[in-house]
PDB file of all heavy atoms in Angstrom:
ATOM      1  N   MET A   1     -12.229   2.012   3.647  1.00  0.00           N
ATOM      2  CA  MET A   1     -10.967   2.638   3.888  1.00  0.00           C
ATOM      3  C   MET A   1     -10.872   3.971   3.166  1.00  0.00           C
ATOM      4  O   MET A   1     -11.357   4.135   2.093  1.00  0.00           O
ATOM      5  CB  MET A   1      -9.842   1.725   3.381  1.00  0.00           C
ATOM      6  CG  MET A   1      -9.627   0.482   4.249  1.00  0.00           C
ATOM      7  SD  MET A   1      -8.707  -0.901   3.452  1.00  0.00           S
ATOM      8  CE  MET A   1      -7.191  -0.049   2.902  1.00  0.00           C
ATOM      9  N   SER A   2     -10.125   4.919   3.768  1.00  0.00           N
ATOM     10  CA  SER A   2      -9.898   6.204   3.225  1.00  0.00           C
ATOM     11  C   SER A   2      -8.727   6.097   2.170  1.00  0.00           C
ATOM     12  O   SER A   2      -7.872   5.222   2.344  1.00  0.00           O
ATOM     13  CB  SER A   2      -9.532   7.216   4.241  1.00  0.00           C
ATOM     14  OG  SER A   2     -10.594   7.410   5.164  1.00  0.00           O
ATOM     15  N   PRO A   3      -8.669   6.955   1.186  1.00  0.00           N
ATOM     16  CA  PRO A   3      -7.553   6.947   0.250  1.00  0.00           C
ATOM     17  C   PRO A   3      -6.229   7.211   1.002  1.00  0.00           C
ATOM     18  O   PRO A   3      -6.221   7.962   1.982  1.00  0.00           O
ATOM     19  CB  PRO A   3      -7.884   8.081  -0.727  1.00  0.00           C
ATOM     20  CG  PRO A   3      -9.344   8.318  -0.579  1.00  0.00           C
ATOM     21  CD  PRO A   3      -9.675   7.998   0.828  1.00  0.00           C
ATOM     22  N   TRP A   4      -5.145   6.672   0.460  1.00  0.00           N
ATOM     23  CA  TRP A   4      -3.836   6.914   1.006  1.00  0.00           C
ATOM     24  C   TRP A   4      -3.194   8.096   0.273  1.00  0.00           C
ATOM     25  O   TRP A   4      -2.578   8.935   0.885  1.00  0.00           O
ATOM     26  CB  TRP A   4      -2.994   5.636   0.904  1.00  0.00           C
ATOM     27  CG  TRP A   4      -1.581   5.810   1.380  1.00  0.00           C
ATOM     28  CD1 TRP A   4      -1.169   6.563   2.465  1.00  0.00           C
ATOM     29  CD2 TRP A   4      -0.402   5.231   0.818  1.00  0.00           C
ATOM     30  NE1 TRP A   4       0.180   6.472   2.621  1.00  0.00           N
ATOM     31  CE2 TRP A   4       0.671   5.641   1.597  1.00  0.00           C
ATOM     32  CE3 TRP A   4      -0.172   4.394  -0.289  1.00  0.00           C
ATOM     33  CZ2 TRP A   4       1.993   5.282   1.328  1.00  0.00           C
ATOM     34  CZ3 TRP A   4       1.143   4.011  -0.517  1.00  0.00           C
ATOM     35  CH2 TRP A   4       2.213   4.459   0.242  1.00  0.00           C
ATOM     36  N   GLN A   5      -3.313   8.144  -1.050  1.00  0.00           N
ATOM     37  CA  GLN A   5      -2.732   9.215  -1.837  1.00  0.00           C
ATOM     38  C   GLN A   5      -3.825   9.935  -2.591  1.00  0.00           C
ATOM     39  O   GLN A   5      -4.824   9.278  -3.023  1.00  0.00           O
ATOM     40  CB  GLN A   5      -1.712   8.640  -2.803  1.00  0.00           C
ATOM     41  CG  GLN A   5      -0.516   7.978  -2.140  1.00  0.00           C
ATOM     42  CD  GLN A   5       0.426   7.315  -3.144  1.00  0.00           C
ATOM     43  OE1 GLN A   5       0.044   6.766  -4.159  1.00  0.00           O
ATOM     44  NE2 GLN A   5       1.737   7.413  -2.880  1.00  0.00           N
ATOM     45  N   GLY A   6      -3.651  11.217  -2.769  1.00  0.00           N
ATOM     46  CA  GLY A   6      -4.661  12.011  -3.500  1.00  0.00           C
ATOM     47  C   GLY A   6      -4.070  12.454  -4.812  1.00  0.00           C
ATOM     48  O   GLY A   6      -2.873  12.585  -5.045  1.00  0.00           O
ATOM     49  N   GLY A   7      -4.942  12.762  -5.777  1.00  0.00           N
ATOM     50  CA  GLY A   7      -4.539  13.240  -7.095  1.00  0.00           C
ATOM     51  C   GLY A   7      -5.606  13.012  -8.120  1.00  0.00           C
ATOM     52  O   GLY A   7      -6.795  12.850  -7.815  1.00  0.00           O
ATOM     53  N   GLY A   8      -5.212  12.956  -9.388  1.00  0.00           N
ATOM     54  CA  GLY A   8      -6.135  12.738 -10.434  1.00  0.00           C
ATOM     55  C   GLY A   8      -6.617  11.299 -10.506  1.00  0.00           C
ATOM     56  O   GLY A   8      -5.986  10.360 -10.035  1.00  0.00           O
ATOM     57  N   ASP A   9      -7.821  11.145 -11.041  1.00  0.00           N
ATOM     58  CA  ASP A   9      -8.412   9.853 -11.363  1.00  0.00           C
ATOM     59  C   ASP A   9      -8.940   9.107 -10.092  1.00  0.00           C
ATOM     60  O   ASP A   9      -9.497   8.044 -10.275  1.00  0.00           O
ATOM     61  CB  ASP A   9      -7.456   8.924 -12.116  1.00  0.00           C
ATOM     62  CG  ASP A   9      -8.190   7.982 -13.074  1.00  0.00           C
ATOM     63  OD1 ASP A   9      -9.311   8.331 -13.534  1.00  0.00           O
ATOM     64  OD2 ASP A   9      -7.687   6.907 -13.370  1.00  0.00           O
ATOM     65  N   MET A  10      -8.747   9.623  -8.875  1.00  0.00           N
ATOM     66  CA  MET A  10      -9.248   8.944  -7.702  1.00  0.00           C
ATOM     67  C   MET A  10     -10.375   9.755  -7.105  1.00  0.00           C
ATOM     68  O   MET A  10     -10.798   9.468  -5.966  1.00  0.00           O
ATOM     69  CB  MET A  10      -8.141   8.682  -6.679  1.00  0.00           C
ATOM     70  CG  MET A  10      -7.271   9.850  -6.345  1.00  0.00           C
ATOM     71  SD  MET A  10      -8.005  11.021  -5.195  1.00  0.00           S
ATOM     72  CE  MET A  10      -8.036  10.054  -3.728  1.00  0.00           C
ATOM     73  N   ILE A  11     -10.956  10.644  -7.839  1.00  0.00           N
ATOM     74  CA  ILE A  11     -11.987  11.559  -7.318  1.00  0.00           C
ATOM     75  C   ILE A  11     -13.288  11.468  -8.133  1.00  0.00           C
ATOM     76  O   ILE A  11     -13.283  11.021  -9.286  1.00  0.00           O
ATOM     77  CB  ILE A  11     -11.522  12.986  -7.270  1.00  0.00           C
ATOM     78  CG1 ILE A  11     -10.975  13.449  -8.677  1.00  0.00           C
ATOM     79  CG2 ILE A  11     -10.416  13.158  -6.281  1.00  0.00           C
ATOM     80  CD1 ILE A  11     -11.951  13.887  -9.659  1.00  0.00           C
ATOM     81  N   GLU A  12     -14.422  11.857  -7.513  1.00  0.00           N
ATOM     82  CA  GLU A  12     -15.587  12.070  -8.231  1.00  0.00           C
ATOM     83  C   GLU A  12     -15.816  13.536  -8.525  1.00  0.00           C
ATOM     84  O   GLU A  12     -16.082  13.978  -9.631  1.00  0.00           O
ATOM     85  CB  GLU A  12     -16.814  11.534  -7.453  1.00  0.00           C
ATOM     86  CG  GLU A  12     -16.934  10.011  -7.458  1.00  0.00           C
ATOM     87  CD  GLU A  12     -18.201   9.538  -6.782  1.00  0.00           C
ATOM     88  OE1 GLU A  12     -18.847  10.348  -6.092  1.00  0.00           O
ATOM     89  OE2 GLU A  12     -18.506   8.364  -6.988  1.00  0.00           O
ATOM     90  N   ARG A  13     -15.620  14.405  -7.470  1.00  0.00           N
ATOM     91  CA  ARG A  13     -15.758  15.836  -7.622  1.00  0.00           C
ATOM     92  C   ARG A  13     -14.825  16.540  -6.662  1.00  0.00           C
ATOM     93  O   ARG A  13     -14.731  16.160  -5.494  1.00  0.00           O
ATOM     94  CB  ARG A  13     -17.217  16.238  -7.390  1.00  0.00           C
ATOM     95  CG  ARG A  13     -17.511  17.711  -7.763  1.00  0.00           C
ATOM     96  CD  ARG A  13     -18.947  18.021  -7.621  1.00  0.00           C
ATOM     97  NE  ARG A  13     -19.299  19.330  -8.042  1.00  0.00           N
ATOM     98  CZ  ARG A  13     -19.548  19.702  -9.321  1.00  0.00           C
ATOM     99  NH1 ARG A  13     -19.619  18.759 -10.260  1.00  0.00           N
ATOM    100  NH2 ARG A  13     -19.853  20.934  -9.661  1.00  0.00           N
ATOM    101  N   VAL A  14     -14.161  17.561  -7.134  1.00  0.00           N
ATOM    102  CA  VAL A  14     -13.242  18.344  -6.281  1.00  0.00           C
ATOM    103  C   VAL A  14     -13.713  19.788  -6.176  1.00  0.00           C
ATOM    104  O   VAL A  14     -13.978  20.416  -7.224  1.00  0.00           O
ATOM    105  CB  VAL A  14     -11.792  18.310  -6.872  1.00  0.00           C
ATOM    106  CG1 VAL A  14     -10.871  19.226  -6.041  1.00  0.00           C
ATOM    107  CG2 VAL A  14     -11.304  16.869  -6.940  1.00  0.00           C
ATOM    108  N   ARG A  15     -13.879  20.200  -4.966  1.00  0.00           N
ATOM    109  CA  ARG A  15     -14.165  21.614  -4.684  1.00  0.00           C
ATOM    110  C   ARG A  15     -13.171  22.019  -3.573  1.00  0.00           C
ATOM    111  O   ARG A  15     -12.708  21.157  -2.790  1.00  0.00           O
ATOM    112  CB  ARG A  15     -15.593  21.820  -4.240  1.00  0.00           C
ATOM    113  CG  ARG A  15     -16.679  21.593  -5.226  1.00  0.00           C
ATOM    114  CD  ARG A  15     -18.022  22.100  -4.737  1.00  0.00           C
ATOM    115  NE  ARG A  15     -19.105  22.001  -5.700  1.00  0.00           N
ATOM    116  CZ  ARG A  15     -19.938  20.991  -5.757  1.00  0.00           C
ATOM    117  NH1 ARG A  15     -19.859  19.973  -4.905  1.00  0.00           N
ATOM    118  NH2 ARG A  15     -20.891  20.944  -6.663  1.00  0.00           N
ATOM    119  N   PHE A  16     -12.896  23.301  -3.417  1.00  0.00           N
ATOM    120  CA  PHE A  16     -12.104  23.759  -2.320  1.00  0.00           C
ATOM    121  C   PHE A  16     -12.822  23.543  -0.988  1.00  0.00           C
ATOM    122  O   PHE A  16     -12.212  23.490   0.085  1.00  0.00           O
ATOM    123  CB  PHE A  16     -11.695  25.216  -2.490  1.00  0.00           C
ATOM    124  CG  PHE A  16     -10.563  25.401  -3.485  1.00  0.00           C
ATOM    125  CD1 PHE A  16     -10.779  25.960  -4.705  1.00  0.00           C
ATOM    126  CD2 PHE A  16      -9.308  24.928  -3.174  1.00  0.00           C
ATOM    127  CE1 PHE A  16      -9.766  26.076  -5.644  1.00  0.00           C
ATOM    128  CE2 PHE A  16      -8.251  25.069  -4.095  1.00  0.00           C
ATOM    129  CZ  PHE A  16      -8.444  25.650  -5.323  1.00  0.00           C
ATOM    130  N   SER A  17     -14.119  23.440  -1.044  1.00  0.00           N
ATOM    131  CA  SER A  17     -14.862  23.136   0.181  1.00  0.00           C
ATOM    132  C   SER A  17     -14.807  21.707   0.599  1.00  0.00           C
ATOM    133  O   SER A  17     -15.181  21.338   1.698  1.00  0.00           O
ATOM    134  CB  SER A  17     -16.294  23.597  -0.001  1.00  0.00           C
ATOM    135  OG  SER A  17     -16.911  22.884  -1.075  1.00  0.00           O
ATOM    136  N   GLY A  18     -14.349  20.819  -0.346  1.00  0.00           N
ATOM    137  CA  GLY A  18     -14.242  19.406  -0.037  1.00  0.00           C
ATOM    138  C   GLY A  18     -14.278  18.544  -1.306  1.00  0.00           C
ATOM    139  O   GLY A  18     -14.735  19.010  -2.344  1.00  0.00           O
ATOM    140  N   THR A  19     -13.768  17.359  -1.195  1.00  0.00           N
ATOM    141  CA  THR A  19     -13.668  16.384  -2.305  1.00  0.00           C
ATOM    142  C   THR A  19     -14.399  15.093  -2.011  1.00  0.00           C
ATOM    143  O   THR A  19     -14.342  14.611  -0.903  1.00  0.00           O
ATOM    144  CB  THR A  19     -12.175  16.119  -2.637  1.00  0.00           C
ATOM    145  OG1 THR A  19     -11.569  17.327  -3.093  1.00  0.00           O
ATOM    146  CG2 THR A  19     -12.043  15.029  -3.689  1.00  0.00           C
ATOM    147  N   THR A  20     -15.103  14.587  -3.035  1.00  0.00           N
ATOM    148  CA  THR A  20     -15.695  13.225  -2.930  1.00  0.00           C
ATOM    149  C   THR A  20     -14.843  12.296  -3.793  1.00  0.00           C
ATOM    150  O   THR A  20     -14.428  12.693  -4.866  1.00  0.00           O
ATOM    151  CB  THR A  20     -17.163  13.207  -3.365  1.00  0.00           C
ATOM    152  OG1 THR A  20     -17.209  13.735  -4.727  1.00  0.00           O
ATOM    153  CG2 THR A  20     -18.027  14.082  -2.439  1.00  0.00           C
ATOM    154  N   PHE A  21     -14.649  11.114  -3.252  1.00  0.00           N
ATOM    155  CA  PHE A  21     -13.692  10.170  -3.884  1.00  0.00           C
ATOM    156  C   PHE A  21     -14.462   9.120  -4.756  1.00  0.00           C
ATOM    157  O   PHE A  21     -15.606   8.828  -4.537  1.00  0.00           O
ATOM    158  CB  PHE A  21     -12.863   9.438  -2.808  1.00  0.00           C
ATOM    159  CG  PHE A  21     -12.093  10.415  -1.941  1.00  0.00           C
ATOM    160  CD1 PHE A  21     -12.410  10.518  -0.573  1.00  0.00           C
ATOM    161  CD2 PHE A  21     -11.115  11.187  -2.470  1.00  0.00           C
ATOM    162  CE1 PHE A  21     -11.701  11.403   0.207  1.00  0.00           C
ATOM    163  CE2 PHE A  21     -10.395  12.071  -1.686  1.00  0.00           C
ATOM    164  CZ  PHE A  21     -10.684  12.209  -0.358  1.00  0.00           C
ATOM    165  N   ALA A  22     -13.695   8.620  -5.717  1.00  0.00           N
ATOM    166  CA  ALA A  22     -14.207   7.600  -6.617  1.00  0.00           C
ATOM    167  C   ALA A  22     -14.365   6.281  -5.866  1.00  0.00           C
ATOM    168  O   ALA A  22     -13.804   6.105  -4.736  1.00  0.00           O
ATOM    169  CB  ALA A  22     -13.317   7.425  -7.800  1.00  0.00           C
ATOM    170  N   LYS A  23     -15.068   5.364  -6.431  1.00  0.00           N
ATOM    171  CA  LYS A  23     -15.203   4.043  -5.803  1.00  0.00           C
ATOM    172  C   LYS A  23     -13.932   3.184  -6.129  1.00  0.00           C
ATOM    173  O   LYS A  23     -13.114   3.574  -6.951  1.00  0.00           O
ATOM    174  CB  LYS A  23     -16.455   3.353  -6.383  1.00  0.00           C
ATOM    175  CG  LYS A  23     -17.736   4.064  -5.975  1.00  0.00           C
ATOM    176  CD  LYS A  23     -18.976   3.371  -6.559  1.00  0.00           C
ATOM    177  CE  LYS A  23     -20.253   4.067  -6.117  1.00  0.00           C
ATOM    178  NZ  LYS A  23     -21.458   3.353  -6.691  1.00  0.00           N
ATOM    179  N   CYS A  24     -13.827   2.063  -5.442  1.00  0.00           N
ATOM    180  CA  CYS A  24     -12.713   1.143  -5.728  1.00  0.00           C
ATOM    181  C   CYS A  24     -12.843   0.570  -7.122  1.00  0.00           C
ATOM    182  O   CYS A  24     -13.914   0.396  -7.612  1.00  0.00           O
ATOM    183  CB  CYS A  24     -12.738   0.005  -4.713  1.00  0.00           C
ATOM    184  SG  CYS A  24     -12.368   0.472  -3.013  1.00  0.00           S
ATOM    185  N   PRO A  25     -11.714   0.372  -7.793  1.00  0.00           N
ATOM    186  CA  PRO A  25     -10.319   0.522  -7.314  1.00  0.00           C
ATOM    187  C   PRO A  25      -9.741   1.897  -7.495  1.00  0.00           C
ATOM    188  O   PRO A  25      -8.629   2.173  -6.980  1.00  0.00           O
ATOM    189  CB  PRO A  25      -9.584  -0.495  -8.179  1.00  0.00           C
ATOM    190  CG  PRO A  25     -10.335  -0.451  -9.451  1.00  0.00           C
ATOM    191  CD  PRO A  25     -11.767  -0.262  -9.129  1.00  0.00           C
ATOM    192  N   ALA A  26     -10.464   2.789  -8.215  1.00  0.00           N
ATOM    193  CA  ALA A  26      -9.882   4.108  -8.561  1.00  0.00           C
ATOM    194  C   ALA A  26      -9.509   4.889  -7.335  1.00  0.00           C
ATOM    195  O   ALA A  26      -8.502   5.672  -7.329  1.00  0.00           O
ATOM    196  CB  ALA A  26     -10.917   4.912  -9.427  1.00  0.00           C
ATOM    197  N   LYS A  27     -10.201   4.703  -6.226  1.00  0.00           N
ATOM    198  CA  LYS A  27      -9.913   5.467  -5.011  1.00  0.00           C
ATOM    199  C   LYS A  27      -8.492   5.319  -4.540  1.00  0.00           C
ATOM    200  O   LYS A  27      -7.946   6.214  -3.888  1.00  0.00           O
ATOM    201  CB  LYS A  27     -10.928   4.972  -3.926  1.00  0.00           C
ATOM    202  CG  LYS A  27     -10.749   5.719  -2.582  1.00  0.00           C
ATOM    203  CD  LYS A  27     -11.891   5.367  -1.596  1.00  0.00           C
ATOM    204  CE  LYS A  27     -11.899   3.939  -1.166  1.00  0.00           C
ATOM    205  NZ  LYS A  27     -12.899   3.669  -0.089  1.00  0.00           N
ATOM    206  N   PHE A  28      -7.873   4.190  -4.863  1.00  0.00           N
ATOM    207  CA  PHE A  28      -6.509   3.953  -4.398  1.00  0.00           C
ATOM    208  C   PHE A  28      -5.484   3.990  -5.499  1.00  0.00           C
ATOM    209  O   PHE A  28      -4.359   3.558  -5.322  1.00  0.00           O
ATOM    210  CB  PHE A  28      -6.452   2.546  -3.702  1.00  0.00           C
ATOM    211  CG  PHE A  28      -7.312   2.438  -2.492  1.00  0.00           C
ATOM    212  CD1 PHE A  28      -8.508   1.750  -2.536  1.00  0.00           C
ATOM    213  CD2 PHE A  28      -6.944   3.053  -1.312  1.00  0.00           C
ATOM    214  CE1 PHE A  28      -9.294   1.635  -1.403  1.00  0.00           C
ATOM    215  CE2 PHE A  28      -7.722   2.945  -0.170  1.00  0.00           C
ATOM    216  CZ  PHE A  28      -8.940   2.260  -0.263  1.00  0.00           C
ATOM    217  N   GLU A  29      -5.870   4.550  -6.691  1.00  0.00           N
ATOM    218  CA  GLU A  29      -4.932   4.582  -7.769  1.00  0.00           C
ATOM    219  C   GLU A  29      -4.793   6.030  -8.305  1.00  0.00           C
ATOM    220  O   GLU A  29      -5.180   6.348  -9.443  1.00  0.00           O
ATOM    221  CB  GLU A  29      -5.392   3.643  -8.944  1.00  0.00           C
ATOM    222  CG  GLU A  29      -5.366   2.206  -8.502  1.00  0.00           C
ATOM    223  CD  GLU A  29      -5.858   1.241  -9.573  1.00  0.00           C
ATOM    224  OE1 GLU A  29      -6.293   1.703 -10.653  1.00  0.00           O
ATOM    225  OE2 GLU A  29      -5.802   0.007  -9.370  1.00  0.00           O
ATOM    226  N   ALA A  30      -4.238   6.885  -7.471  1.00  0.00           N
ATOM    227  CA  ALA A  30      -4.106   8.306  -7.828  1.00  0.00           C
ATOM    228  C   ALA A  30      -3.067   8.470  -8.913  1.00  0.00           C
ATOM    229  O   ALA A  30      -2.003   7.846  -8.902  1.00  0.00           O
ATOM    230  CB  ALA A  30      -3.652   9.073  -6.603  1.00  0.00           C
TER     231      ALA A  30
END
């Protein structure tokens, strides 16, 4: 499943070119 909300603590790396998300459960706990 894709994240529902974005923000801090639910990411692995953020770039303006794109973001990679953390694994569960962090992916859904922005």
